[in-house]
Amino acid sequence: MLGIIEWTLFLYLALKVCHFLFGPLARRTDAPLWTKLRSGEPMLMIGVFGSSALLTIYGMWFSHTNAERWYAYSTGCYAKLAAAHQLPLLMRAKNFGAYDAAMITSNYFDSAEIHGLKLGIRLEVIKKKLNYDGLSYSGYYGRITAKNDRRAIAASFADLHRCLKHVGAPRGEFLSP
C-alpha cells in the first residue's frame, strides 16, 4: 500500500512540474510564480488521486481473483498428481518421470498453501482439502485401474500431462486477467 501512495505522489509531482513548465501560464512572463504553481490545481489533484484510487481497487480485485484461480488450479493438480501412483505402472513410466512429477507436485502443494492463505483460508483447512481431494482421486484411479478402463486411464493421463506442463494455468497478467 505504501508503494501505491509513493507512486501517486511521484505522479502528482511529475504532472505538476510538466504543467508548470509547459502549461498555459508557462508562456506568460507577467504571471507570478505562485499563480503558475497553483494553475490547474484542483483538477490535477482530483485526476491523479482518482486514478490511483481506481488502480488500487483494481489491483486488490485482481490480486484476489488471481489467488482464487491459482488456489483452485493448484489444489486440483496436486490431488491428481499425488494420486498418480494408483494408475498402471507401465503407462505411468512412459508418460512422465518420477522426479519431475514429485517436484511439480511439491510446487502445487506450496502454491495451494500460499494462495489459500492469501484468500484467508486456514492452513488446517487447506491441508484437509488437499488430503481429501488426493484420496478422492486415489479411489477414482484405483477403480479405473481395477476395471482396466483404457479410455478413462488415457483421460487421466491427459489430465496429468496438462498439470505437468501447466496447461490451463492462470496467467496472472495485470491487464488481462
N, C-alpha and C. Protein backbone atom coordinates (compact mmCIF):
# COMPACT_ATOMS: atom_id res chain seq x y z
N MET A 1 0.82 -1.19 0.00
CA MET A 1 0.00 0.00 0.00
C MET A 1 0.86 1.25 0.00
N LEU A 2 2.00 1.20 0.71
CA LEU A 2 2.88 2.35 0.76
C LEU A 2 3.45 2.68 -0.61
N GLY A 3 3.74 1.64 -1.40
CA GLY A 3 4.25 1.85 -2.75
C GLY A 3 3.25 2.61 -3.62
N ILE A 4 1.98 2.30 -3.46
CA ILE A 4 0.95 2.99 -4.24
C ILE A 4 0.91 4.47 -3.88
N ILE A 5 1.02 4.76 -2.61
CA ILE A 5 1.00 6.16 -2.18
C ILE A 5 2.23 6.91 -2.70
N GLU A 6 3.39 6.27 -2.62
CA GLU A 6 4.61 6.90 -3.13
C GLU A 6 4.51 7.18 -4.62
N TRP A 7 4.05 6.18 -5.39
CA TRP A 7 3.95 6.37 -6.84
C TRP A 7 2.90 7.42 -7.18
N THR A 8 1.85 7.50 -6.40
CA THR A 8 0.84 8.53 -6.62
C THR A 8 1.44 9.91 -6.42
N LEU A 9 2.20 10.07 -5.35
CA LEU A 9 2.82 11.37 -5.10
C LEU A 9 3.86 11.72 -6.16
N PHE A 10 4.62 10.73 -6.62
CA PHE A 10 5.58 10.98 -7.70
C PHE A 10 4.87 11.36 -8.99
N LEU A 11 3.77 10.69 -9.30
CA LEU A 11 2.99 11.04 -10.48
C LEU A 11 2.44 12.45 -10.37
N TYR A 12 1.93 12.79 -9.20
CA TYR A 12 1.41 14.14 -8.99
C TYR A 12 2.52 15.18 -9.17
N LEU A 13 3.69 14.90 -8.60
CA LEU A 13 4.81 15.83 -8.73
C LEU A 13 5.24 15.97 -10.18
N ALA A 14 5.34 14.85 -10.90
CA ALA A 14 5.75 14.91 -12.31
C ALA A 14 4.74 15.69 -13.14
N LEU A 15 3.45 15.44 -12.93
CA LEU A 15 2.44 16.18 -13.69
C LEU A 15 2.43 17.66 -13.31
N LYS A 16 2.70 17.94 -12.06
CA LYS A 16 2.74 19.33 -11.62
C LYS A 16 3.91 20.07 -12.27
N VAL A 17 5.08 19.44 -12.34
CA VAL A 17 6.23 20.05 -13.00
C VAL A 17 5.96 20.25 -14.48
N CYS A 18 5.36 19.23 -15.13
CA CYS A 18 5.03 19.37 -16.56
C CYS A 18 4.03 20.51 -16.77
N HIS A 19 3.06 20.61 -15.90
CA HIS A 19 2.07 21.68 -16.03
C HIS A 19 2.72 23.04 -15.78
N PHE A 20 3.67 23.09 -14.85
CA PHE A 20 4.37 24.33 -14.56
C PHE A 20 5.24 24.76 -15.74
N LEU A 21 5.93 23.78 -16.36
CA LEU A 21 6.85 24.11 -17.45
C LEU A 21 6.16 24.29 -18.79
N PHE A 22 5.12 23.52 -19.06
CA PHE A 22 4.51 23.52 -20.39
C PHE A 22 3.05 23.95 -20.40
N GLY A 23 2.49 24.28 -19.25
CA GLY A 23 1.08 24.64 -19.16
C GLY A 23 0.77 25.99 -19.78
N PRO A 24 -0.49 26.40 -19.75
CA PRO A 24 -0.90 27.65 -20.39
C PRO A 24 -0.27 28.89 -19.77
N LEU A 25 0.05 28.86 -18.48
CA LEU A 25 0.66 30.03 -17.84
C LEU A 25 2.17 30.03 -17.95
N ALA A 26 2.77 29.00 -18.50
CA ALA A 26 4.23 28.94 -18.62
C ALA A 26 4.75 29.98 -19.61
N ARG A 27 3.96 30.29 -20.63
CA ARG A 27 4.39 31.24 -21.65
C ARG A 27 4.22 32.69 -21.21
N ARG A 28 3.42 32.91 -20.21
CA ARG A 28 3.20 34.28 -19.73
C ARG A 28 4.31 34.66 -18.75
N THR A 29 5.00 35.71 -19.05
CA THR A 29 6.09 36.13 -18.17
C THR A 29 5.60 37.03 -17.05
N ASP A 30 4.41 37.60 -17.21
CA ASP A 30 3.91 38.51 -16.19
C ASP A 30 3.20 37.81 -15.04
N ALA A 31 2.94 36.51 -15.17
CA ALA A 31 2.26 35.77 -14.11
C ALA A 31 3.24 35.49 -12.96
N PRO A 32 2.83 35.73 -11.73
CA PRO A 32 3.72 35.43 -10.61
C PRO A 32 3.92 33.92 -10.43
N LEU A 33 4.99 33.56 -9.75
CA LEU A 33 5.35 32.14 -9.56
C LEU A 33 4.24 31.38 -8.82
N TRP A 34 3.65 31.99 -7.79
CA TRP A 34 2.60 31.32 -7.03
C TRP A 34 1.39 31.02 -7.91
N THR A 35 1.06 31.89 -8.82
CA THR A 35 -0.06 31.66 -9.73
C THR A 35 0.26 30.53 -10.70
N LYS A 36 1.50 30.50 -11.16
CA LYS A 36 1.91 29.40 -12.06
C LYS A 36 1.84 28.05 -11.33
N LEU A 37 2.27 28.03 -10.07
CA LEU A 37 2.25 26.78 -9.32
C LEU A 37 0.83 26.30 -9.02
N ARG A 38 -0.08 27.23 -8.77
CA ARG A 38 -1.45 26.85 -8.43
C ARG A 38 -2.32 26.59 -9.65
N SER A 39 -1.84 26.85 -10.83
CA SER A 39 -2.69 26.70 -12.02
C SER A 39 -3.04 25.23 -12.25
N GLY A 40 -4.29 24.99 -12.56
CA GLY A 40 -4.77 23.64 -12.82
C GLY A 40 -4.82 22.76 -11.60
N GLU A 41 -4.73 23.35 -10.42
CA GLU A 41 -4.56 22.56 -9.20
C GLU A 41 -5.72 21.63 -8.85
N PRO A 42 -6.94 22.09 -8.72
CA PRO A 42 -7.93 21.12 -8.22
C PRO A 42 -8.15 19.95 -9.16
N MET A 43 -8.21 20.19 -10.45
CA MET A 43 -8.47 19.10 -11.39
C MET A 43 -7.28 18.15 -11.49
N LEU A 44 -6.08 18.69 -11.41
CA LEU A 44 -4.90 17.83 -11.45
C LEU A 44 -4.86 16.89 -10.26
N MET A 45 -5.13 17.43 -9.07
CA MET A 45 -5.12 16.60 -7.87
C MET A 45 -6.25 15.57 -7.91
N ILE A 46 -7.42 15.98 -8.33
CA ILE A 46 -8.55 15.05 -8.42
C ILE A 46 -8.24 13.94 -9.42
N GLY A 47 -7.67 14.30 -10.54
CA GLY A 47 -7.34 13.30 -11.56
C GLY A 47 -6.30 12.30 -11.10
N VAL A 48 -5.23 12.77 -10.48
CA VAL A 48 -4.15 11.87 -10.04
C VAL A 48 -4.63 10.96 -8.92
N PHE A 49 -5.25 11.52 -7.91
CA PHE A 49 -5.68 10.69 -6.79
C PHE A 49 -6.87 9.81 -7.15
N GLY A 50 -7.71 10.27 -8.05
CA GLY A 50 -8.81 9.42 -8.53
C GLY A 50 -8.29 8.23 -9.32
N SER A 51 -7.32 8.46 -10.20
CA SER A 51 -6.77 7.35 -10.97
C SER A 51 -6.01 6.38 -10.08
N SER A 52 -5.31 6.90 -9.06
CA SER A 52 -4.61 5.98 -8.16
C SER A 52 -5.61 5.17 -7.33
N ALA A 53 -6.73 5.77 -6.95
CA ALA A 53 -7.75 5.02 -6.21
C ALA A 53 -8.33 3.91 -7.09
N LEU A 54 -8.59 4.21 -8.36
CA LEU A 54 -9.11 3.18 -9.26
C LEU A 54 -8.10 2.06 -9.46
N LEU A 55 -6.83 2.41 -9.63
CA LEU A 55 -5.80 1.39 -9.79
C LEU A 55 -5.64 0.54 -8.52
N THR A 56 -5.78 1.15 -7.37
CA THR A 56 -5.69 0.41 -6.12
C THR A 56 -6.85 -0.59 -5.99
N ILE A 57 -8.04 -0.14 -6.31
CA ILE A 57 -9.21 -1.03 -6.23
C ILE A 57 -9.08 -2.17 -7.24
N TYR A 58 -8.66 -1.84 -8.46
CA TYR A 58 -8.48 -2.88 -9.48
C TYR A 58 -7.37 -3.85 -9.05
N GLY A 59 -6.29 -3.33 -8.48
CA GLY A 59 -5.21 -4.20 -8.03
C GLY A 59 -5.63 -5.15 -6.93
N MET A 60 -6.43 -4.67 -5.99
CA MET A 60 -6.91 -5.55 -4.92
C MET A 60 -7.86 -6.61 -5.48
N TRP A 61 -8.75 -6.22 -6.40
CA TRP A 61 -9.66 -7.19 -7.02
C TRP A 61 -8.87 -8.22 -7.81
N PHE A 62 -7.87 -7.75 -8.58
CA PHE A 62 -7.08 -8.65 -9.40
C PHE A 62 -6.29 -9.62 -8.54
N SER A 63 -5.70 -9.13 -7.47
CA SER A 63 -4.92 -9.99 -6.58
C SER A 63 -5.79 -11.09 -5.99
N HIS A 64 -7.00 -10.75 -5.57
CA HIS A 64 -7.92 -11.73 -5.00
C HIS A 64 -8.35 -12.75 -6.07
N THR A 65 -8.70 -12.26 -7.24
CA THR A 65 -9.13 -13.16 -8.33
C THR A 65 -8.01 -14.09 -8.74
N ASN A 66 -6.80 -13.57 -8.85
CA ASN A 66 -5.67 -14.39 -9.23
C ASN A 66 -5.38 -15.45 -8.16
N ALA A 67 -5.49 -15.08 -6.90
CA ALA A 67 -5.28 -16.06 -5.82
C ALA A 67 -6.35 -17.15 -5.86
N GLU A 68 -7.60 -16.78 -6.14
CA GLU A 68 -8.66 -17.79 -6.25
C GLU A 68 -8.37 -18.77 -7.38
N ARG A 69 -7.96 -18.25 -8.52
CA ARG A 69 -7.68 -19.13 -9.67
C ARG A 69 -6.51 -20.06 -9.39
N TRP A 70 -5.43 -19.52 -8.83
CA TRP A 70 -4.27 -20.36 -8.54
C TRP A 70 -4.58 -21.38 -7.46
N TYR A 71 -5.40 -21.02 -6.48
CA TYR A 71 -5.75 -21.97 -5.43
C TYR A 71 -6.54 -23.13 -6.03
N ALA A 72 -7.52 -22.82 -6.86
CA ALA A 72 -8.32 -23.88 -7.48
C ALA A 72 -7.46 -24.76 -8.39
N TYR A 73 -6.61 -24.14 -9.18
CA TYR A 73 -5.76 -24.89 -10.11
C TYR A 73 -4.75 -25.76 -9.34
N SER A 74 -4.13 -25.19 -8.31
CA SER A 74 -3.12 -25.92 -7.54
C SER A 74 -3.71 -27.08 -6.77
N THR A 75 -4.87 -26.88 -6.15
CA THR A 75 -5.47 -27.98 -5.40
C THR A 75 -5.89 -29.12 -6.34
N GLY A 76 -6.42 -28.77 -7.50
CA GLY A 76 -6.81 -29.81 -8.46
C GLY A 76 -5.63 -30.59 -8.99
N CYS A 77 -4.59 -29.89 -9.39
CA CYS A 77 -3.42 -30.58 -9.94
C CYS A 77 -2.66 -31.34 -8.87
N TYR A 78 -2.58 -30.79 -7.66
CA TYR A 78 -1.89 -31.52 -6.59
C TYR A 78 -2.59 -32.85 -6.32
N ALA A 79 -3.91 -32.82 -6.25
CA ALA A 79 -4.65 -34.05 -5.96
C ALA A 79 -4.45 -35.09 -7.06
N LYS A 80 -4.48 -34.64 -8.30
CA LYS A 80 -4.29 -35.60 -9.41
C LYS A 80 -2.88 -36.19 -9.39
N LEU A 81 -1.88 -35.34 -9.21
CA LEU A 81 -0.50 -35.83 -9.23
C LEU A 81 -0.17 -36.66 -7.99
N ALA A 82 -0.74 -36.31 -6.85
CA ALA A 82 -0.47 -37.08 -5.63
C ALA A 82 -1.08 -38.48 -5.71
N ALA A 83 -2.16 -38.62 -6.47
CA ALA A 83 -2.82 -39.93 -6.58
C ALA A 83 -2.37 -40.71 -7.81
N ALA A 84 -1.40 -40.20 -8.54
CA ALA A 84 -0.97 -40.86 -9.79
C ALA A 84 -0.38 -42.24 -9.56
N HIS A 85 0.04 -42.53 -8.34
CA HIS A 85 0.61 -43.85 -8.07
C HIS A 85 -0.42 -44.96 -8.20
N GLN A 86 -1.69 -44.64 -8.25
CA GLN A 86 -2.76 -45.64 -8.41
C GLN A 86 -2.94 -46.08 -9.85
N LEU A 87 -2.36 -45.32 -10.78
CA LEU A 87 -2.51 -45.66 -12.20
C LEU A 87 -1.52 -46.76 -12.57
N PRO A 88 -1.76 -47.45 -13.69
CA PRO A 88 -0.86 -48.55 -14.08
C PRO A 88 0.59 -48.09 -14.23
N LEU A 89 1.52 -48.89 -13.69
CA LEU A 89 2.92 -48.52 -13.64
C LEU A 89 3.53 -48.38 -15.04
N LEU A 90 3.22 -49.29 -15.93
CA LEU A 90 3.82 -49.26 -17.27
C LEU A 90 3.44 -47.98 -18.00
N MET A 91 2.18 -47.61 -17.93
CA MET A 91 1.74 -46.39 -18.61
C MET A 91 2.28 -45.15 -17.88
N ARG A 92 2.40 -45.23 -16.57
CA ARG A 92 2.88 -44.10 -15.79
C ARG A 92 4.34 -43.82 -16.13
N ALA A 93 5.14 -44.86 -16.30
CA ALA A 93 6.56 -44.69 -16.60
C ALA A 93 6.76 -44.09 -18.00
N LYS A 94 5.88 -44.44 -18.94
CA LYS A 94 6.02 -43.89 -20.29
C LYS A 94 5.64 -42.42 -20.36
N ASN A 95 4.72 -41.98 -19.53
CA ASN A 95 4.15 -40.65 -19.67
C ASN A 95 4.90 -39.55 -18.93
N PHE A 96 5.48 -39.83 -17.79
CA PHE A 96 6.20 -38.77 -17.09
C PHE A 96 7.23 -39.36 -16.14
N GLY A 97 8.26 -38.58 -15.90
CA GLY A 97 9.33 -39.01 -15.00
C GLY A 97 8.95 -38.79 -13.54
N ALA A 98 9.41 -39.66 -12.69
CA ALA A 98 9.03 -39.60 -11.28
C ALA A 98 9.59 -38.36 -10.59
N TYR A 99 10.84 -37.99 -10.92
CA TYR A 99 11.44 -36.83 -10.25
C TYR A 99 10.70 -35.55 -10.63
N ASP A 100 10.43 -35.35 -11.91
CA ASP A 100 9.70 -34.15 -12.34
C ASP A 100 8.32 -34.10 -11.70
N ALA A 101 7.65 -35.23 -11.67
CA ALA A 101 6.31 -35.27 -11.09
C ALA A 101 6.35 -34.94 -9.60
N ALA A 102 7.36 -35.45 -8.89
CA ALA A 102 7.47 -35.17 -7.45
C ALA A 102 7.75 -33.69 -7.20
N MET A 103 8.61 -33.11 -8.00
CA MET A 103 8.93 -31.68 -7.83
C MET A 103 7.71 -30.80 -8.13
N ILE A 104 7.02 -31.12 -9.21
CA ILE A 104 5.86 -30.32 -9.58
C ILE A 104 4.74 -30.51 -8.57
N THR A 105 4.57 -31.72 -8.05
CA THR A 105 3.57 -31.97 -7.01
C THR A 105 3.87 -31.14 -5.77
N SER A 106 5.13 -31.10 -5.39
CA SER A 106 5.53 -30.28 -4.24
C SER A 106 5.27 -28.79 -4.50
N ASN A 107 5.53 -28.34 -5.72
CA ASN A 107 5.27 -26.94 -6.06
C ASN A 107 3.78 -26.63 -6.00
N TYR A 108 2.94 -27.56 -6.45
CA TYR A 108 1.50 -27.34 -6.38
C TYR A 108 1.01 -27.31 -4.93
N PHE A 109 1.60 -28.13 -4.08
CA PHE A 109 1.23 -28.12 -2.67
C PHE A 109 1.58 -26.76 -2.06
N ASP A 110 2.79 -26.28 -2.33
CA ASP A 110 3.20 -24.97 -1.81
C ASP A 110 2.32 -23.86 -2.37
N SER A 111 2.02 -23.93 -3.65
CA SER A 111 1.18 -22.90 -4.28
C SER A 111 -0.22 -22.89 -3.69
N ALA A 112 -0.77 -24.06 -3.43
CA ALA A 112 -2.10 -24.13 -2.81
C ALA A 112 -2.08 -23.52 -1.42
N GLU A 113 -1.02 -23.78 -0.66
CA GLU A 113 -0.92 -23.18 0.67
C GLU A 113 -0.80 -21.66 0.60
N ILE A 114 0.08 -21.18 -0.26
CA ILE A 114 0.32 -19.74 -0.37
C ILE A 114 -0.95 -19.00 -0.80
N HIS A 115 -1.58 -19.49 -1.85
CA HIS A 115 -2.75 -18.78 -2.37
C HIS A 115 -3.97 -18.98 -1.47
N GLY A 116 -4.06 -20.11 -0.80
CA GLY A 116 -5.13 -20.31 0.16
C GLY A 116 -5.01 -19.36 1.35
N LEU A 117 -3.77 -19.16 1.81
CA LEU A 117 -3.57 -18.22 2.91
C LEU A 117 -3.85 -16.79 2.48
N LYS A 118 -3.55 -16.46 1.23
CA LYS A 118 -3.89 -15.13 0.71
C LYS A 118 -5.39 -14.91 0.72
N LEU A 119 -6.15 -15.96 0.50
CA LEU A 119 -7.61 -15.87 0.49
C LEU A 119 -8.19 -15.89 1.90
N GLY A 120 -7.36 -16.16 2.89
CA GLY A 120 -7.85 -16.17 4.27
C GLY A 120 -8.29 -17.55 4.74
N ILE A 121 -7.92 -18.58 4.01
CA ILE A 121 -8.27 -19.94 4.42
C ILE A 121 -7.21 -20.44 5.39
N ARG A 122 -7.65 -21.05 6.46
CA ARG A 122 -6.71 -21.55 7.47
C ARG A 122 -5.90 -22.71 6.91
N LEU A 123 -4.68 -22.86 7.42
CA LEU A 123 -3.76 -23.88 6.92
C LEU A 123 -4.30 -25.30 7.13
N GLU A 124 -4.98 -25.52 8.26
CA GLU A 124 -5.54 -26.85 8.52
C GLU A 124 -6.60 -27.20 7.48
N VAL A 125 -7.41 -26.22 7.10
CA VAL A 125 -8.47 -26.44 6.11
C VAL A 125 -7.86 -26.74 4.75
N ILE A 126 -6.79 -26.03 4.41
CA ILE A 126 -6.12 -26.27 3.12
C ILE A 126 -5.56 -27.68 3.08
N LYS A 127 -4.87 -28.08 4.12
CA LYS A 127 -4.28 -29.43 4.15
C LYS A 127 -5.36 -30.51 4.13
N LYS A 128 -6.46 -30.26 4.84
CA LYS A 128 -7.57 -31.21 4.83
C LYS A 128 -8.15 -31.37 3.43
N LYS A 129 -8.33 -30.23 2.73
CA LYS A 129 -8.86 -30.27 1.37
C LYS A 129 -7.91 -31.01 0.43
N LEU A 130 -6.61 -30.73 0.54
CA LEU A 130 -5.64 -31.42 -0.31
C LEU A 130 -5.64 -32.92 -0.05
N ASN A 131 -5.71 -33.32 1.22
CA ASN A 131 -5.74 -34.75 1.55
C ASN A 131 -7.03 -35.40 1.06
N TYR A 132 -8.15 -34.72 1.26
CA TYR A 132 -9.44 -35.28 0.82
C TYR A 132 -9.48 -35.43 -0.70
N ASP A 133 -9.05 -34.39 -1.41
CA ASP A 133 -9.04 -34.47 -2.88
C ASP A 133 -8.08 -35.55 -3.36
N GLY A 134 -6.92 -35.67 -2.70
CA GLY A 134 -5.97 -36.71 -3.08
C GLY A 134 -6.55 -38.11 -2.87
N LEU A 135 -7.27 -38.30 -1.76
CA LEU A 135 -7.91 -39.59 -1.52
C LEU A 135 -9.02 -39.86 -2.53
N SER A 136 -9.75 -38.83 -2.91
CA SER A 136 -10.81 -39.00 -3.91
C SER A 136 -10.24 -39.44 -5.24
N TYR A 137 -9.16 -38.80 -5.67
CA TYR A 137 -8.53 -39.19 -6.93
C TYR A 137 -7.87 -40.56 -6.82
N SER A 138 -7.33 -40.90 -5.65
CA SER A 138 -6.75 -42.24 -5.47
C SER A 138 -7.82 -43.31 -5.64
N GLY A 139 -8.98 -43.07 -5.05
CA GLY A 139 -10.08 -44.02 -5.21
C GLY A 139 -10.54 -44.12 -6.65
N TYR A 140 -10.64 -42.99 -7.32
CA TYR A 140 -11.08 -43.00 -8.72
C TYR A 140 -10.05 -43.72 -9.59
N TYR A 141 -8.77 -43.37 -9.41
CA TYR A 141 -7.74 -44.03 -10.22
C TYR A 141 -7.67 -45.52 -9.91
N GLY A 142 -7.87 -45.90 -8.65
CA GLY A 142 -7.89 -47.32 -8.30
C GLY A 142 -9.04 -48.06 -8.97
N ARG A 143 -10.22 -47.43 -9.02
CA ARG A 143 -11.38 -48.07 -9.67
C ARG A 143 -11.16 -48.24 -11.17
N ILE A 144 -10.66 -47.19 -11.83
CA ILE A 144 -10.50 -47.33 -13.30
C ILE A 144 -9.35 -48.27 -13.64
N THR A 145 -8.37 -48.39 -12.74
CA THR A 145 -7.28 -49.35 -12.98
C THR A 145 -7.79 -50.77 -12.76
N ALA A 146 -8.61 -50.97 -11.74
CA ALA A 146 -9.15 -52.31 -11.48
C ALA A 146 -10.07 -52.77 -12.60
N LYS A 147 -10.84 -51.83 -13.17
CA LYS A 147 -11.73 -52.17 -14.29
C LYS A 147 -10.99 -52.25 -15.61
N ASN A 148 -9.74 -51.76 -15.62
CA ASN A 148 -8.92 -51.71 -16.83
C ASN A 148 -9.62 -50.90 -17.93
N ASP A 149 -10.19 -49.78 -17.53
CA ASP A 149 -10.91 -48.88 -18.44
C ASP A 149 -9.87 -48.00 -19.17
N ARG A 150 -9.52 -48.41 -20.38
CA ARG A 150 -8.45 -47.75 -21.13
C ARG A 150 -8.77 -46.28 -21.44
N ARG A 151 -10.02 -45.99 -21.77
CA ARG A 151 -10.37 -44.60 -22.10
C ARG A 151 -10.26 -43.69 -20.88
N ALA A 152 -10.72 -44.16 -19.73
CA ALA A 152 -10.64 -43.35 -18.51
C ALA A 152 -9.19 -43.19 -18.06
N ILE A 153 -8.40 -44.25 -18.24
CA ILE A 153 -6.98 -44.16 -17.88
C ILE A 153 -6.26 -43.17 -18.80
N ALA A 154 -6.56 -43.23 -20.09
CA ALA A 154 -5.94 -42.29 -21.03
C ALA A 154 -6.36 -40.85 -20.73
N ALA A 155 -7.62 -40.65 -20.36
CA ALA A 155 -8.09 -39.31 -20.00
C ALA A 155 -7.40 -38.82 -18.72
N SER A 156 -7.18 -39.73 -17.79
CA SER A 156 -6.49 -39.37 -16.55
C SER A 156 -5.05 -38.97 -16.83
N PHE A 157 -4.39 -39.72 -17.72
CA PHE A 157 -3.02 -39.35 -18.08
C PHE A 157 -2.98 -38.03 -18.84
N ALA A 158 -4.01 -37.74 -19.61
CA ALA A 158 -4.07 -36.44 -20.30
C ALA A 158 -4.20 -35.31 -19.27
N ASP A 159 -5.02 -35.52 -18.22
CA ASP A 159 -5.12 -34.53 -17.14
C ASP A 159 -3.79 -34.35 -16.42
N LEU A 160 -3.11 -35.47 -16.16
CA LEU A 160 -1.81 -35.38 -15.50
C LEU A 160 -0.80 -34.64 -16.37
N HIS A 161 -0.85 -34.90 -17.66
CA HIS A 161 0.06 -34.22 -18.59
C HIS A 161 -0.20 -32.71 -18.60
N ARG A 162 -1.48 -32.33 -18.59
CA ARG A 162 -1.81 -30.89 -18.53
C ARG A 162 -1.28 -30.26 -17.25
N CYS A 163 -1.38 -30.98 -16.15
CA CYS A 163 -0.85 -30.44 -14.89
C CYS A 163 0.68 -30.36 -14.90
N LEU A 164 1.32 -31.34 -15.47
CA LEU A 164 2.79 -31.33 -15.52
C LEU A 164 3.32 -30.23 -16.43
N LYS A 165 2.59 -29.93 -17.48
CA LYS A 165 3.03 -28.90 -18.44
C LYS A 165 2.40 -27.54 -18.17
N HIS A 166 1.64 -27.42 -17.10
CA HIS A 166 0.98 -26.16 -16.70
C HIS A 166 0.02 -25.64 -17.76
N VAL A 167 -0.62 -26.53 -18.47
CA VAL A 167 -1.61 -26.13 -19.46
C VAL A 167 -2.88 -25.73 -18.71
N GLY A 168 -3.40 -24.56 -19.03
CA GLY A 168 -4.60 -24.08 -18.38
C GLY A 168 -4.35 -23.37 -17.06
N ALA A 169 -3.08 -23.13 -16.74
CA ALA A 169 -2.75 -22.42 -15.50
C ALA A 169 -3.16 -20.96 -15.63
N PRO A 170 -3.54 -20.34 -14.54
CA PRO A 170 -3.88 -18.91 -14.61
C PRO A 170 -2.68 -18.09 -15.06
N ARG A 171 -2.95 -17.09 -15.90
CA ARG A 171 -1.84 -16.33 -16.48
C ARG A 171 -1.31 -15.27 -15.53
N GLY A 172 -2.17 -14.60 -14.83
CA GLY A 172 -1.72 -13.61 -13.88
C GLY A 172 -1.25 -12.31 -14.49
N GLU A 173 -1.71 -12.00 -15.69
CA GLU A 173 -1.34 -10.73 -16.30
C GLU A 173 -2.26 -9.65 -15.79
N PHE A 174 -1.70 -8.51 -15.43
CA PHE A 174 -2.46 -7.48 -14.74
C PHE A 174 -3.56 -6.85 -15.59
N LEU A 175 -3.32 -6.68 -16.88
CA LEU A 175 -4.31 -6.02 -17.72
C LEU A 175 -5.27 -6.98 -18.42
N SER A 176 -4.96 -8.27 -18.39
CA SER A 176 -5.91 -9.24 -18.97
C SER A 176 -6.01 -10.45 -18.06
N PRO A 177 -6.79 -10.32 -16.99
CA PRO A 177 -6.87 -11.43 -16.04
C PRO A 177 -7.69 -12.56 -16.63
